[in-house]
Amino acid sequence: MKFGIDVSRWSSGMYFLRLRGDTFTKTRKVIVQK
């Protein structure tokens, strides 16, 4: 599963993305460093 996110507007830090689908729920950790 691929997805694109524009993180250029985000400040540095750690984010948790919750991906929700019909049959699954995924939590993905994203670290933004600038």
N, C-alpha and C. Protein backbone atom coordinates (compact mmCIF):
# COMPACT_ATOMS: atom_id res chain seq x y z
N MET A 1 0.85 -1.18 0.00
CA MET A 1 0.00 0.00 0.00
C MET A 1 0.89 1.24 0.00
N LYS A 2 0.65 2.09 -0.94
CA LYS A 2 1.46 3.31 -1.04
C LYS A 2 0.56 4.52 -0.88
N PHE A 3 1.10 5.52 -0.25
CA PHE A 3 0.36 6.77 -0.15
C PHE A 3 1.36 7.91 -0.08
N GLY A 4 0.97 9.04 -0.62
CA GLY A 4 1.87 10.19 -0.64
C GLY A 4 1.34 11.28 0.26
N ILE A 5 2.25 11.87 0.99
CA ILE A 5 1.86 12.94 1.90
C ILE A 5 2.82 14.11 1.68
N ASP A 6 2.28 15.30 1.68
CA ASP A 6 3.12 16.48 1.56
C ASP A 6 3.53 16.91 2.96
N VAL A 7 4.77 16.57 3.33
CA VAL A 7 5.23 16.87 4.68
C VAL A 7 6.05 18.15 4.71
N SER A 8 6.12 18.85 3.60
CA SER A 8 6.96 20.05 3.55
C SER A 8 6.39 21.15 4.44
N ARG A 9 5.10 21.11 4.70
CA ARG A 9 4.50 22.15 5.53
C ARG A 9 4.56 21.79 7.01
N TRP A 10 4.92 20.55 7.32
CA TRP A 10 4.95 20.12 8.70
C TRP A 10 6.22 20.60 9.37
N SER A 11 6.15 20.81 10.66
CA SER A 11 7.35 21.12 11.41
C SER A 11 8.03 19.81 11.77
N SER A 12 9.28 19.91 12.21
CA SER A 12 10.01 18.70 12.57
C SER A 12 9.36 18.05 13.78
N GLY A 13 9.44 16.75 13.81
CA GLY A 13 8.87 16.03 14.94
C GLY A 13 8.44 14.65 14.53
N MET A 14 7.69 14.00 15.41
CA MET A 14 7.22 12.65 15.14
C MET A 14 5.70 12.69 15.07
N TYR A 15 5.20 12.06 14.04
CA TYR A 15 3.75 12.05 13.83
C TYR A 15 3.28 10.60 13.73
N PHE A 16 2.05 10.38 14.10
CA PHE A 16 1.45 9.07 13.93
C PHE A 16 0.29 9.21 12.96
N LEU A 17 0.36 8.45 11.89
CA LEU A 17 -0.71 8.48 10.90
C LEU A 17 -1.59 7.26 11.11
N ARG A 18 -2.87 7.47 11.14
CA ARG A 18 -3.79 6.35 11.24
C ARG A 18 -4.45 6.17 9.89
N LEU A 19 -4.16 5.02 9.28
CA LEU A 19 -4.74 4.71 7.98
C LEU A 19 -5.92 3.79 8.21
N ARG A 20 -7.07 4.21 7.74
CA ARG A 20 -8.27 3.45 8.01
C ARG A 20 -8.85 2.95 6.70
N GLY A 21 -9.10 1.65 6.66
CA GLY A 21 -9.69 1.06 5.47
C GLY A 21 -10.92 0.26 5.86
N ASP A 22 -11.50 -0.39 4.89
CA ASP A 22 -12.71 -1.16 5.18
C ASP A 22 -12.40 -2.35 6.07
N THR A 23 -11.21 -2.94 5.87
CA THR A 23 -10.93 -4.19 6.57
C THR A 23 -9.70 -4.10 7.45
N PHE A 24 -9.15 -2.89 7.60
CA PHE A 24 -7.93 -2.79 8.41
C PHE A 24 -7.81 -1.40 9.01
N THR A 25 -7.01 -1.33 10.05
CA THR A 25 -6.61 -0.04 10.60
C THR A 25 -5.12 -0.12 10.87
N LYS A 26 -4.38 0.78 10.27
CA LYS A 26 -2.93 0.77 10.43
C LYS A 26 -2.50 2.08 11.06
N THR A 27 -1.51 1.97 11.92
CA THR A 27 -0.91 3.18 12.47
C THR A 27 0.54 3.20 12.05
N ARG A 28 0.94 4.25 11.41
CA ARG A 28 2.30 4.34 10.92
C ARG A 28 2.99 5.54 11.54
N LYS A 29 4.23 5.31 11.98
CA LYS A 29 5.00 6.39 12.59
C LYS A 29 5.81 7.10 11.52
N VAL A 30 5.71 8.42 11.51
CA VAL A 30 6.44 9.22 10.53
C VAL A 30 7.30 10.23 11.27
N ILE A 31 8.57 10.26 10.93
CA ILE A 31 9.49 11.21 11.55
C ILE A 31 9.90 12.23 10.50
N VAL A 32 9.69 13.50 10.81
CA VAL A 32 10.02 14.58 9.89
C VAL A 32 11.23 15.32 10.45
N GLN A 33 12.28 15.37 9.65
CA GLN A 33 13.49 16.08 10.06
C GLN A 33 13.78 17.18 9.05
N LYS A 34 14.08 18.36 9.56
CA LYS A 34 14.38 19.48 8.66
C LYS A 34 15.71 20.09 9.04
